[in-house]
Amino acid sequence: LVCHAPAALKNVKGKDGAPLIKGKKVTGYSNSEEVAGNSTQECPFPL
């Protein structure tokens, strides 16, 4: 997944029932990029 698409991981779970990304390295569009791009209103939540 790239940029804002890691939002799709929000409700994904692993075999243990915990969030899939728990304890895993992950990236996505940063808060600083969102603020600098004046696009915070385009998001339902900060990624």
PDB file of all heavy atoms in Angstrom:
ATOM      1  N   LEU A   1       0.867  -1.186   0.000  1.00  0.00           N
ATOM      2  CA  LEU A   1       0.000   0.000   0.000  1.00  0.00           C
ATOM      3  C   LEU A   1       0.898   1.229   0.000  1.00  0.00           C
ATOM      4  O   LEU A   1       1.987   1.229   0.592  1.00  0.00           O
ATOM      5  CB  LEU A   1      -0.905   0.029   1.234  1.00  0.00           C
ATOM      6  CG  LEU A   1      -1.630  -1.273   1.608  1.00  0.00           C
ATOM      7  CD1 LEU A   1      -0.824  -2.079   2.620  1.00  0.00           C
ATOM      8  CD2 LEU A   1      -3.009  -1.008   2.171  1.00  0.00           C
ATOM      9  N   VAL A   2       0.423   2.311  -0.632  1.00  0.00           N
ATOM     10  CA  VAL A   2       1.245   3.515  -0.697  1.00  0.00           C
ATOM     11  C   VAL A   2       0.435   4.759  -0.362  1.00  0.00           C
ATOM     12  O   VAL A   2      -0.761   4.838  -0.645  1.00  0.00           O
ATOM     13  CB  VAL A   2       1.906   3.647  -2.100  1.00  0.00           C
ATOM     14  CG1 VAL A   2       0.903   3.969  -3.183  1.00  0.00           C
ATOM     15  CG2 VAL A   2       3.020   4.688  -2.077  1.00  0.00           C
ATOM     16  N   CYS A   3       1.092   5.720   0.257  1.00  0.00           N
ATOM     17  CA  CYS A   3       0.580   7.057   0.549  1.00  0.00           C
ATOM     18  C   CYS A   3      -0.612   7.011   1.518  1.00  0.00           C
ATOM     19  O   CYS A   3      -0.457   6.660   2.679  1.00  0.00           O
ATOM     20  CB  CYS A   3       0.256   7.775  -0.757  1.00  0.00           C
ATOM     21  SG  CYS A   3       0.164   9.570  -0.592  1.00  0.00           S
ATOM     22  N   HIS A   4      -1.832   7.344   1.070  1.00  0.00           N
ATOM     23  CA  HIS A   4      -3.002   7.296   1.944  1.00  0.00           C
ATOM     24  C   HIS A   4      -3.654   5.916   1.978  1.00  0.00           C
ATOM     25  O   HIS A   4      -4.518   5.659   2.819  1.00  0.00           O
ATOM     26  CB  HIS A   4      -4.048   8.326   1.501  1.00  0.00           C
ATOM     27  CG  HIS A   4      -3.640   9.744   1.739  1.00  0.00           C
ATOM     28  ND1 HIS A   4      -2.953  10.487   0.807  1.00  0.00           N
ATOM     29  CD2 HIS A   4      -3.800  10.557   2.825  1.00  0.00           C
ATOM     30  CE1 HIS A   4      -2.724  11.700   1.293  1.00  0.00           C
ATOM     31  NE2 HIS A   4      -3.222  11.762   2.507  1.00  0.00           N
ATOM     32  N   ALA A   5      -3.254   5.028   1.094  1.00  0.00           N
ATOM     33  CA  ALA A   5      -3.888   3.714   1.018  1.00  0.00           C
ATOM     34  C   ALA A   5      -3.703   2.847   2.266  1.00  0.00           C
ATOM     35  O   ALA A   5      -4.553   1.995   2.536  1.00  0.00           O
ATOM     36  CB  ALA A   5      -3.397   2.966  -0.216  1.00  0.00           C
ATOM     37  N   PRO A   6      -2.633   3.026   3.077  1.00  0.00           N
ATOM     38  CA  PRO A   6      -2.555   2.240   4.311  1.00  0.00           C
ATOM     39  C   PRO A   6      -3.752   2.446   5.250  1.00  0.00           C
ATOM     40  O   PRO A   6      -3.923   1.685   6.205  1.00  0.00           O
ATOM     41  CB  PRO A   6      -1.243   2.711   4.948  1.00  0.00           C
ATOM     42  CG  PRO A   6      -0.378   3.031   3.779  1.00  0.00           C
ATOM     43  CD  PRO A   6      -1.330   3.696   2.815  1.00  0.00           C
ATOM     44  N   ALA A   7      -4.601   3.430   4.952  1.00  0.00           N
ATOM     45  CA  ALA A   7      -5.858   3.572   5.692  1.00  0.00           C
ATOM     46  C   ALA A   7      -6.688   2.294   5.597  1.00  0.00           C
ATOM     47  O   ALA A   7      -7.468   1.976   6.503  1.00  0.00           O
ATOM     48  CB  ALA A   7      -6.663   4.752   5.149  1.00  0.00           C
ATOM     49  N   ALA A   8      -6.508   1.549   4.506  1.00  0.00           N
ATOM     50  CA  ALA A   8      -7.255   0.302   4.310  1.00  0.00           C
ATOM     51  C   ALA A   8      -6.889  -0.754   5.349  1.00  0.00           C
ATOM     52  O   ALA A   8      -7.599  -1.748   5.496  1.00  0.00           O
ATOM     53  CB  ALA A   8      -7.011  -0.239   2.904  1.00  0.00           C
ATOM     54  N   LEU A   9      -5.792  -0.533   6.082  1.00  0.00           N
ATOM     55  CA  LEU A   9      -5.354  -1.487   7.102  1.00  0.00           C
ATOM     56  C   LEU A   9      -6.062  -1.271   8.441  1.00  0.00           C
ATOM     57  O   LEU A   9      -5.889  -2.066   9.368  1.00  0.00           O
ATOM     58  CB  LEU A   9      -3.840  -1.363   7.312  1.00  0.00           C
ATOM     59  CG  LEU A   9      -2.959  -1.712   6.103  1.00  0.00           C
ATOM     60  CD1 LEU A   9      -1.524  -1.266   6.364  1.00  0.00           C
ATOM     61  CD2 LEU A   9      -3.019  -3.209   5.808  1.00  0.00           C
ATOM     62  N   LYS A  10      -6.860  -0.225   8.550  1.00  0.00           N
ATOM     63  CA  LYS A  10      -7.431   0.187   9.830  1.00  0.00           C
ATOM     64  C   LYS A  10      -8.125  -0.944  10.579  1.00  0.00           C
ATOM     65  O   LYS A  10      -7.948  -1.106  11.794  1.00  0.00           O
ATOM     66  CB  LYS A  10      -8.414   1.342   9.606  1.00  0.00           C
ATOM     67  CG  LYS A  10      -9.014   1.879  10.914  1.00  0.00           C
ATOM     68  CD  LYS A  10      -9.969   3.044  10.631  1.00  0.00           C
ATOM     69  CE  LYS A  10     -10.543   3.592  11.931  1.00  0.00           C
ATOM     70  NZ  LYS A  10     -11.500   4.709  11.669  1.00  0.00           N
ATOM     71  N   ASN A  11      -8.934  -1.718   9.893  1.00  0.00           N
ATOM     72  CA  ASN A  11      -9.724  -2.764  10.551  1.00  0.00           C
ATOM     73  C   ASN A  11      -9.309  -4.177  10.158  1.00  0.00           C
ATOM     74  O   ASN A  11     -10.047  -5.132  10.397  1.00  0.00           O
ATOM     75  CB  ASN A  11     -11.210  -2.551  10.252  1.00  0.00           C
ATOM     76  CG  ASN A  11     -11.730  -1.279  10.911  1.00  0.00           C
ATOM     77  OD1 ASN A  11     -11.633  -1.112  12.117  1.00  0.00           O
ATOM     78  ND2 ASN A  11     -12.267  -0.372  10.105  1.00  0.00           N
ATOM     79  N   VAL A  12      -8.119  -4.298   9.586  1.00  0.00           N
ATOM     80  CA  VAL A  12      -7.596  -5.610   9.205  1.00  0.00           C
ATOM     81  C   VAL A  12      -6.965  -6.270  10.420  1.00  0.00           C
ATOM     82  O   VAL A  12      -6.202  -5.645  11.155  1.00  0.00           O
ATOM     83  CB  VAL A  12      -6.558  -5.470   8.070  1.00  0.00           C
ATOM     84  CG1 VAL A  12      -5.952  -6.825   7.732  1.00  0.00           C
ATOM     85  CG2 VAL A  12      -7.204  -4.849   6.834  1.00  0.00           C
ATOM     86  N   LYS A  13      -7.263  -7.539  10.605  1.00  0.00           N
ATOM     87  CA  LYS A  13      -6.741  -8.262  11.759  1.00  0.00           C
ATOM     88  C   LYS A  13      -5.862  -9.434  11.325  1.00  0.00           C
ATOM     89  O   LYS A  13      -6.018  -9.989  10.237  1.00  0.00           O
ATOM     90  CB  LYS A  13      -7.887  -8.781  12.636  1.00  0.00           C
ATOM     91  CG  LYS A  13      -8.667  -7.676  13.334  1.00  0.00           C
ATOM     92  CD  LYS A  13      -9.764  -8.220  14.219  1.00  0.00           C
ATOM     93  CE  LYS A  13     -10.354  -7.151  15.125  1.00  0.00           C
ATOM     94  NZ  LYS A  13     -10.883  -6.002  14.391  1.00  0.00           N
ATOM     95  N   GLY A  14      -4.970  -9.808  12.199  1.00  0.00           N
ATOM     96  CA  GLY A  14      -4.149 -10.980  11.965  1.00  0.00           C
ATOM     97  C   GLY A  14      -4.845 -12.227  12.479  1.00  0.00           C
ATOM     98  O   GLY A  14      -5.967 -12.172  12.992  1.00  0.00           O
ATOM     99  N   LYS A  15      -4.178 -13.360  12.370  1.00  0.00           N
ATOM    100  CA  LYS A  15      -4.771 -14.624  12.808  1.00  0.00           C
ATOM    101  C   LYS A  15      -5.103 -14.621  14.299  1.00  0.00           C
ATOM    102  O   LYS A  15      -5.997 -15.348  14.749  1.00  0.00           O
ATOM    103  CB  LYS A  15      -3.825 -15.779  12.486  1.00  0.00           C
ATOM    104  CG  LYS A  15      -3.706 -16.081  10.998  1.00  0.00           C
ATOM    105  CD  LYS A  15      -2.756 -17.230  10.748  1.00  0.00           C
ATOM    106  CE  LYS A  15      -2.645 -17.549   9.263  1.00  0.00           C
ATOM    107  NZ  LYS A  15      -1.696 -18.656   8.988  1.00  0.00           N
ATOM    108  N   ASP A  16      -4.365 -13.812  15.075  1.00  0.00           N
ATOM    109  CA  ASP A  16      -4.576 -13.761  16.526  1.00  0.00           C
ATOM    110  C   ASP A  16      -5.710 -12.824  16.932  1.00  0.00           C
ATOM    111  O   ASP A  16      -6.018 -12.686  18.120  1.00  0.00           O
ATOM    112  CB  ASP A  16      -3.285 -13.343  17.237  1.00  0.00           C
ATOM    113  CG  ASP A  16      -2.782 -11.971  16.792  1.00  0.00           C
ATOM    114  OD1 ASP A  16      -3.412 -11.353  15.906  1.00  0.00           O
ATOM    115  OD2 ASP A  16      -1.748 -11.527  17.323  1.00  0.00           O
ATOM    116  N   GLY A  17      -6.348 -12.171  15.954  1.00  0.00           N
ATOM    117  CA  GLY A  17      -7.449 -11.261  16.245  1.00  0.00           C
ATOM    118  C   GLY A  17      -7.025  -9.848  16.571  1.00  0.00           C
ATOM    119  O   GLY A  17      -7.862  -8.948  16.694  1.00  0.00           O
ATOM    120  N   ALA A  18      -5.727  -9.612  16.700  1.00  0.00           N
ATOM    121  CA  ALA A  18      -5.198  -8.267  16.944  1.00  0.00           C
ATOM    122  C   ALA A  18      -5.045  -7.541  15.616  1.00  0.00           C
ATOM    123  O   ALA A  18      -5.025  -8.162  14.548  1.00  0.00           O
ATOM    124  CB  ALA A  18      -3.852  -8.350  17.654  1.00  0.00           C
ATOM    125  N   PRO A  19      -4.956  -6.200  15.650  1.00  0.00           N
ATOM    126  CA  PRO A  19      -4.722  -5.475  14.395  1.00  0.00           C
ATOM    127  C   PRO A  19      -3.504  -6.043  13.663  1.00  0.00           C
ATOM    128  O   PRO A  19      -2.470  -6.316  14.284  1.00  0.00           O
ATOM    129  CB  PRO A  19      -4.474  -4.036  14.853  1.00  0.00           C
ATOM    130  CG  PRO A  19      -5.236  -3.922  16.134  1.00  0.00           C
ATOM    131  CD  PRO A  19      -5.082  -5.260  16.801  1.00  0.00           C
ATOM    132  N   LEU A  20      -3.628  -6.214  12.359  1.00  0.00           N
ATOM    133  CA  LEU A  20      -2.546  -6.804  11.578  1.00  0.00           C
ATOM    134  C   LEU A  20      -1.244  -6.041  11.737  1.00  0.00           C
ATOM    135  O   LEU A  20      -0.160  -6.641  11.786  1.00  0.00           O
ATOM    136  CB  LEU A  20      -2.940  -6.847  10.093  1.00  0.00           C
ATOM    137  CG  LEU A  20      -1.889  -7.434   9.143  1.00  0.00           C
ATOM    138  CD1 LEU A  20      -1.707  -8.928   9.411  1.00  0.00           C
ATOM    139  CD2 LEU A  20      -2.268  -7.197   7.694  1.00  0.00           C
ATOM    140  N   ILE A  21      -1.359  -4.712  11.832  1.00  0.00           N
ATOM    141  CA  ILE A  21      -0.129  -3.909  11.860  1.00  0.00           C
ATOM    142  C   ILE A  21       0.469  -3.789  13.269  1.00  0.00           C
ATOM    143  O   ILE A  21       1.531  -3.191  13.431  1.00  0.00           O
ATOM    144  CB  ILE A  21      -0.351  -2.498  11.273  1.00  0.00           C
ATOM    145  CG1 ILE A  21      -1.377  -1.711  12.102  1.00  0.00           C
ATOM    146  CG2 ILE A  21      -0.755  -2.590   9.818  1.00  0.00           C
ATOM    147  CD1 ILE A  21      -1.502  -0.258  11.658  1.00  0.00           C
ATOM    148  N   LYS A  22      -0.177  -4.342  14.278  1.00  0.00           N
ATOM    149  CA  LYS A  22       0.342  -4.230  15.642  1.00  0.00           C
ATOM    150  C   LYS A  22       1.746  -4.823  15.729  1.00  0.00           C
ATOM    151  O   LYS A  22       1.977  -5.980  15.375  1.00  0.00           O
ATOM    152  CB  LYS A  22      -0.580  -4.947  16.631  1.00  0.00           C
ATOM    153  CG  LYS A  22      -0.167  -4.756  18.086  1.00  0.00           C
ATOM    154  CD  LYS A  22      -1.144  -5.431  19.034  1.00  0.00           C
ATOM    155  CE  LYS A  22      -0.724  -5.215  20.485  1.00  0.00           C
ATOM    156  NZ  LYS A  22      -1.679  -5.875  21.417  1.00  0.00           N
ATOM    157  N   GLY A  23       2.694  -4.000  16.154  1.00  0.00           N
ATOM    158  CA  GLY A  23       4.071  -4.446  16.297  1.00  0.00           C
ATOM    159  C   GLY A  23       4.850  -4.513  15.002  1.00  0.00           C
ATOM    160  O   GLY A  23       6.009  -4.930  15.002  1.00  0.00           O
ATOM    161  N   LYS A  24       4.246  -4.083  13.899  1.00  0.00           N
ATOM    162  CA  LYS A  24       4.923  -4.144  12.600  1.00  0.00           C
ATOM    163  C   LYS A  24       5.347  -2.754  12.142  1.00  0.00           C
ATOM    164  O   LYS A  24       4.682  -1.759  12.423  1.00  0.00           O
ATOM    165  CB  LYS A  24       4.010  -4.766  11.534  1.00  0.00           C
ATOM    166  CG  LYS A  24       3.700  -6.235  11.770  1.00  0.00           C
ATOM    167  CD  LYS A  24       2.860  -6.774  10.624  1.00  0.00           C
ATOM    168  CE  LYS A  24       2.609  -8.273  10.788  1.00  0.00           C
ATOM    169  NZ  LYS A  24       1.768  -8.572  11.953  1.00  0.00           N
ATOM    170  N   LYS A  25       6.438  -2.714  11.387  1.00  0.00           N
ATOM    171  CA  LYS A  25       6.896  -1.457  10.797  1.00  0.00           C
ATOM    172  C   LYS A  25       5.932  -1.065   9.672  1.00  0.00           C
ATOM    173  O   LYS A  25       5.549  -1.898   8.853  1.00  0.00           O
ATOM    174  CB  LYS A  25       8.311  -1.604  10.242  1.00  0.00           C
ATOM    175  CG  LYS A  25       9.377  -1.831  11.289  1.00  0.00           C
ATOM    176  CD  LYS A  25      10.774  -1.780  10.710  1.00  0.00           C
ATOM    177  CE  LYS A  25      11.028  -2.939   9.772  1.00  0.00           C
ATOM    178  NZ  LYS A  25      12.440  -2.960   9.275  1.00  0.00           N
ATOM    179  N   VAL A  26       5.569   0.200   9.668  1.00  0.00           N
ATOM    180  CA  VAL A  26       4.610   0.674   8.669  1.00  0.00           C
ATOM    181  C   VAL A  26       4.826   2.155   8.421  1.00  0.00           C
ATOM    182  O   VAL A  26       5.333   2.885   9.281  1.00  0.00           O
ATOM    183  CB  VAL A  26       3.153   0.403   9.153  1.00  0.00           C
ATOM    184  CG1 VAL A  26       2.821   1.225  10.380  1.00  0.00           C
ATOM    185  CG2 VAL A  26       2.140   0.627   8.047  1.00  0.00           C
ATOM    186  N   THR A  27       4.493   2.598   7.216  1.00  0.00           N
ATOM    187  CA  THR A  27       4.533   4.027   6.920  1.00  0.00           C
ATOM    188  C   THR A  27       3.276   4.407   6.136  1.00  0.00           C
ATOM    189  O   THR A  27       2.439   3.569   5.815  1.00  0.00           O
ATOM    190  CB  THR A  27       5.811   4.418   6.151  1.00  0.00           C
ATOM    191  OG1 THR A  27       5.910   5.849   6.105  1.00  0.00           O
ATOM    192  CG2 THR A  27       5.824   3.868   4.724  1.00  0.00           C
ATOM    193  N   GLY A  28       3.150   5.673   5.829  1.00  0.00           N
ATOM    194  CA  GLY A  28       2.018   6.223   5.101  1.00  0.00           C
ATOM    195  C   GLY A  28       2.159   7.733   5.133  1.00  0.00           C
ATOM    196  O   GLY A  28       3.065   8.277   5.782  1.00  0.00           O
ATOM    197  N   TYR A  29       1.282   8.410   4.449  1.00  0.00           N
ATOM    198  CA  TYR A  29       1.343   9.875   4.371  1.00  0.00           C
ATOM    199  C   TYR A  29       1.376  10.460   5.777  1.00  0.00           C
ATOM    200  O   TYR A  29       0.521  10.155   6.612  1.00  0.00           O
ATOM    201  CB  TYR A  29       0.133  10.387   3.604  1.00  0.00           C
ATOM    202  CG  TYR A  29       0.341  11.705   2.898  1.00  0.00           C
ATOM    203  CD1 TYR A  29       1.239  11.814   1.843  1.00  0.00           C
ATOM    204  CD2 TYR A  29      -0.370  12.836   3.257  1.00  0.00           C
ATOM    205  CE1 TYR A  29       1.415  13.013   1.173  1.00  0.00           C
ATOM    206  CE2 TYR A  29      -0.204  14.044   2.592  1.00  0.00           C
ATOM    207  CZ  TYR A  29       0.703  14.126   1.547  1.00  0.00           C
ATOM    208  OH  TYR A  29       0.879  15.321   0.877  1.00  0.00           O
ATOM    209  N   SER A  30       2.361  11.295   6.042  1.00  0.00           N
ATOM    210  CA  SER A  30       2.609  11.777   7.403  1.00  0.00           C
ATOM    211  C   SER A  30       1.728  12.977   7.765  1.00  0.00           C
ATOM    212  O   SER A  30       1.210  13.679   6.897  1.00  0.00           O
ATOM    213  CB  SER A  30       4.082  12.173   7.552  1.00  0.00           C
ATOM    214  OG  SER A  30       4.375  13.310   6.746  1.00  0.00           O
ATOM    215  N   ASN A  31       1.593  13.187   9.065  1.00  0.00           N
ATOM    216  CA  ASN A  31       0.850  14.365   9.529  1.00  0.00           C
ATOM    217  C   ASN A  31       1.489  15.644   9.000  1.00  0.00           C
ATOM    218  O   ASN A  31       0.780  16.589   8.625  1.00  0.00           O
ATOM    219  CB  ASN A  31       0.830  14.402  11.059  1.00  0.00           C
ATOM    220  CG  ASN A  31      -0.093  13.354  11.652  1.00  0.00           C
ATOM    221  OD1 ASN A  31      -0.903  12.765  10.951  1.00  0.00           O
ATOM    222  ND2 ASN A  31       0.032  13.128  12.952  1.00  0.00           N
ATOM    223  N   SER A  32       2.815  15.689   8.982  1.00  0.00           N
ATOM    224  CA  SER A  32       3.494  16.916   8.526  1.00  0.00           C
ATOM    225  C   SER A  32       3.234  17.171   7.045  1.00  0.00           C
ATOM    226  O   SER A  32       3.066  18.321   6.622  1.00  0.00           O
ATOM    227  CB  SER A  32       4.999  16.840   8.812  1.00  0.00           C
ATOM    228  OG  SER A  32       5.600  15.765   8.115  1.00  0.00           O
ATOM    229  N   GLU A  33       3.149  16.115   6.251  1.00  0.00           N
ATOM    230  CA  GLU A  33       2.834  16.282   4.835  1.00  0.00           C
ATOM    231  C   GLU A  33       1.390  16.768   4.669  1.00  0.00           C
ATOM    232  O   GLU A  33       1.114  17.627   3.823  1.00  0.00           O
ATOM    233  CB  GLU A  33       3.032  14.952   4.088  1.00  0.00           C
ATOM    234  CG  GLU A  33       4.498  14.607   3.894  1.00  0.00           C
ATOM    235  CD  GLU A  33       4.723  13.206   3.367  1.00  0.00           C
ATOM    236  OE1 GLU A  33       4.065  12.261   3.858  1.00  0.00           O
ATOM    237  OE2 GLU A  33       5.574  13.036   2.466  1.00  0.00           O
ATOM    238  N   GLU A  34       0.487  16.219   5.483  1.00  0.00           N
ATOM    239  CA  GLU A  34      -0.924  16.613   5.391  1.00  0.00           C
ATOM    240  C   GLU A  34      -1.095  18.092   5.737  1.00  0.00           C
ATOM    241  O   GLU A  34      -1.828  18.833   5.067  1.00  0.00           O
ATOM    242  CB  GLU A  34      -1.760  15.750   6.336  1.00  0.00           C
ATOM    243  CG  GLU A  34      -3.164  15.468   5.858  1.00  0.00           C
ATOM    244  CD  GLU A  34      -3.237  14.463   4.727  1.00  0.00           C
ATOM    245  OE1 GLU A  34      -3.107  13.248   4.977  1.00  0.00           O
ATOM    246  OE2 GLU A  34      -3.454  14.898   3.574  1.00  0.00           O
ATOM    247  N   VAL A  35      -0.408  18.526   6.793  1.00  0.00           N
ATOM    248  CA  VAL A  35      -0.500  19.925   7.224  1.00  0.00           C
ATOM    249  C   VAL A  35       0.146  20.844   6.188  1.00  0.00           C
ATOM    250  O   VAL A  35      -0.427  21.863   5.792  1.00  0.00           O
ATOM    251  CB  VAL A  35       0.154  20.114   8.612  1.00  0.00           C
ATOM    252  CG1 VAL A  35       0.257  21.593   8.952  1.00  0.00           C
ATOM    253  CG2 VAL A  35      -0.663  19.385   9.682  1.00  0.00           C
ATOM    254  N   ALA A  36       1.340  20.472   5.737  1.00  0.00           N
ATOM    255  CA  ALA A  36       2.046  21.305   4.754  1.00  0.00           C
ATOM    256  C   ALA A  36       1.277  21.400   3.446  1.00  0.00           C
ATOM    257  O   ALA A  36       1.311  22.423   2.760  1.00  0.00           O
ATOM    258  CB  ALA A  36       3.441  20.741   4.501  1.00  0.00           C
ATOM    259  N   GLY A  37       0.549  20.333   3.104  1.00  0.00           N
ATOM    260  CA  GLY A  37      -0.227  20.329   1.870  1.00  0.00           C
ATOM    261  C   GLY A  37      -1.614  20.916   2.038  1.00  0.00           C
ATOM    262  O   GLY A  37      -2.400  20.938   1.084  1.00  0.00           O
ATOM    263  N   ASN A  38      -1.921  21.387   3.257  1.00  0.00           N
ATOM    264  CA  ASN A  38      -3.217  22.010   3.560  1.00  0.00           C
ATOM    265  C   ASN A  38      -4.381  21.086   3.169  1.00  0.00           C
ATOM    266  O   ASN A  38      -5.378  21.528   2.576  1.00  0.00           O
ATOM    267  CB  ASN A  38      -3.339  23.353   2.843  1.00  0.00           C
ATOM    268  CG  ASN A  38      -4.473  24.211   3.387  1.00  0.00           C
ATOM    269  OD1 ASN A  38      -4.806  24.126   4.572  1.00  0.00           O
ATOM    270  ND2 ASN A  38      -5.083  25.024   2.541  1.00  0.00           N
ATOM    271  N   SER A  39      -4.236  19.800   3.517  1.00  0.00           N
ATOM    272  CA  SER A  39      -5.245  18.823   3.098  1.00  0.00           C
ATOM    273  C   SER A  39      -5.859  18.051   4.265  1.00  0.00           C
ATOM    274  O   SER A  39      -6.463  16.994   4.054  1.00  0.00           O
ATOM    275  CB  SER A  39      -4.624  17.838   2.095  1.00  0.00           C
ATOM    276  OG  SER A  39      -3.455  17.233   2.613  1.00  0.00           O
ATOM    277  N   THR A  40      -5.728  18.561   5.471  1.00  0.00           N
ATOM    278  CA  THR A  40      -6.274  17.828   6.626  1.00  0.00           C
ATOM    279  C   THR A  40      -7.793  17.654   6.522  1.00  0.00           C
ATOM    280  O   THR A  40      -8.339  16.657   7.003  1.00  0.00           O
ATOM    281  CB  THR A  40      -5.925  18.531   7.945  1.00  0.00           C
ATOM    282  OG1 THR A  40      -6.396  19.887   7.891  1.00  0.00           O
ATOM    283  CG2 THR A  40      -4.423  18.534   8.178  1.00  0.00           C
ATOM    284  N   GLN A  41      -8.476  18.606   5.882  1.00  0.00           N
ATOM    285  CA  GLN A  41      -9.935  18.513   5.755  1.00  0.00           C
ATOM    286  C   GLN A  41     -10.372  17.431   4.756  1.00  0.00           C
ATOM    287  O   GLN A  41     -11.552  17.070   4.710  1.00  0.00           O
ATOM    288  CB  GLN A  41     -10.526  19.858   5.335  1.00  0.00           C
ATOM    289  CG  GLN A  41     -10.540  20.908   6.439  1.00  0.00           C
ATOM    290  CD  GLN A  41     -11.290  22.149   6.008  1.00  0.00           C
ATOM    291  OE1 GLN A  41     -11.080  22.679   4.919  1.00  0.00           O
ATOM    292  NE2 GLN A  41     -12.187  22.623   6.861  1.00  0.00           N
ATOM    293  N   GLU A  42      -9.427  16.938   3.983  1.00  0.00           N
ATOM    294  CA  GLU A  42      -9.741  15.899   3.002  1.00  0.00           C
ATOM    295  C   GLU A  42      -9.752  14.509   3.632  1.00  0.00           C
ATOM    296  O   GLU A  42     -10.077  13.525   2.955  1.00  0.00           O
ATOM    297  CB  GLU A  42      -8.710  15.920   1.862  1.00  0.00           C
ATOM    298  CG  GLU A  42      -8.470  17.282   1.233  1.00  0.00           C
ATOM    299  CD  GLU A  42      -9.685  17.822   0.509  1.00  0.00           C
ATOM    300  OE1 GLU A  42     -10.167  17.146  -0.406  1.00  0.00           O
ATOM    301  OE2 GLU A  42     -10.156  18.915   0.880  1.00  0.00           O
ATOM    302  N   CYS A  43      -9.397  14.423   4.909  1.00  0.00           N
ATOM    303  CA  CYS A  43      -9.211  13.132   5.572  1.00  0.00           C
ATOM    304  C   CYS A  43     -10.250  12.900   6.661  1.00  0.00           C
ATOM    305  O   CYS A  43     -10.541  13.814   7.439  1.00  0.00           O
ATOM    306  CB  CYS A  43      -7.825  13.061   6.222  1.00  0.00           C
ATOM    307  SG  CYS A  43      -6.455  13.440   5.122  1.00  0.00           S
ATOM    308  N   PRO A  44     -10.788  11.682   6.780  1.00  0.00           N
ATOM    309  CA  PRO A  44     -11.702  11.373   7.877  1.00  0.00           C
ATOM    310  C   PRO A  44     -10.980  11.206   9.196  1.00  0.00           C
ATOM    311  O   PRO A  44     -11.586  11.283  10.272  1.00  0.00           O
ATOM    312  CB  PRO A  44     -12.352  10.061   7.436  1.00  0.00           C
ATOM    313  CG  PRO A  44     -11.351   9.431   6.519  1.00  0.00           C
ATOM    314  CD  PRO A  44     -10.654  10.565   5.823  1.00  0.00           C
ATOM    315  N   PHE A  45      -9.674  10.973   9.139  1.00  0.00           N
ATOM    316  CA  PHE A  45      -8.824  10.844  10.332  1.00  0.00           C
ATOM    317  C   PHE A  45      -7.371  11.034   9.893  1.00  0.00           C
ATOM    318  O   PHE A  45      -7.049  10.828   8.718  1.00  0.00           O
ATOM    319  CB  PHE A  45      -9.009   9.468  10.998  1.00  0.00           C
ATOM    320  CG  PHE A  45      -8.852   8.301  10.049  1.00  0.00           C
ATOM    321  CD1 PHE A  45      -7.598   7.792   9.719  1.00  0.00           C
ATOM    322  CD2 PHE A  45      -9.975   7.708   9.468  1.00  0.00           C
ATOM    323  CE1 PHE A  45      -7.463   6.729   8.842  1.00  0.00           C
ATOM    324  CE2 PHE A  45      -9.852   6.638   8.590  1.00  0.00           C
ATOM    325  CZ  PHE A  45      -8.591   6.148   8.276  1.00  0.00           C
ATOM    326  N   PRO A  46      -6.483  11.433  10.820  1.00  0.00           N
ATOM    327  CA  PRO A  46      -5.071  11.543  10.457  1.00  0.00           C
ATOM    328  C   PRO A  46      -4.482  10.141  10.280  1.00  0.00           C
ATOM    329  O   PRO A  46      -4.513   9.333  11.217  1.00  0.00           O
ATOM    330  CB  PRO A  46      -4.442  12.271  11.649  1.00  0.00           C
ATOM    331  CG  PRO A  46      -5.596  12.845  12.423  1.00  0.00           C
ATOM    332  CD  PRO A  46      -6.741  11.920  12.190  1.00  0.00           C
ATOM    333  N   LEU A  47      -3.967   9.850   9.119  1.00  0.00           N
ATOM    334  CA  LEU A  47      -3.475   8.505   8.815  1.00  0.00           C
ATOM    335  C   LEU A  47      -2.354   8.083   9.764  1.00  0.00           C
ATOM    336  O   LEU A  47      -2.373   6.965  10.300  1.00  0.00           O
ATOM    337  CB  LEU A  47      -2.986   8.444   7.366  1.00  0.00           C
ATOM    338  CG  LEU A  47      -2.403   7.108   6.914  1.00  0.00           C
ATOM    339  CD1 LEU A  47      -3.410   5.972   7.071  1.00  0.00           C
ATOM    340  CD2 LEU A  47      -1.916   7.197   5.480  1.00  0.00           C
TER     341      LEU A  47
END
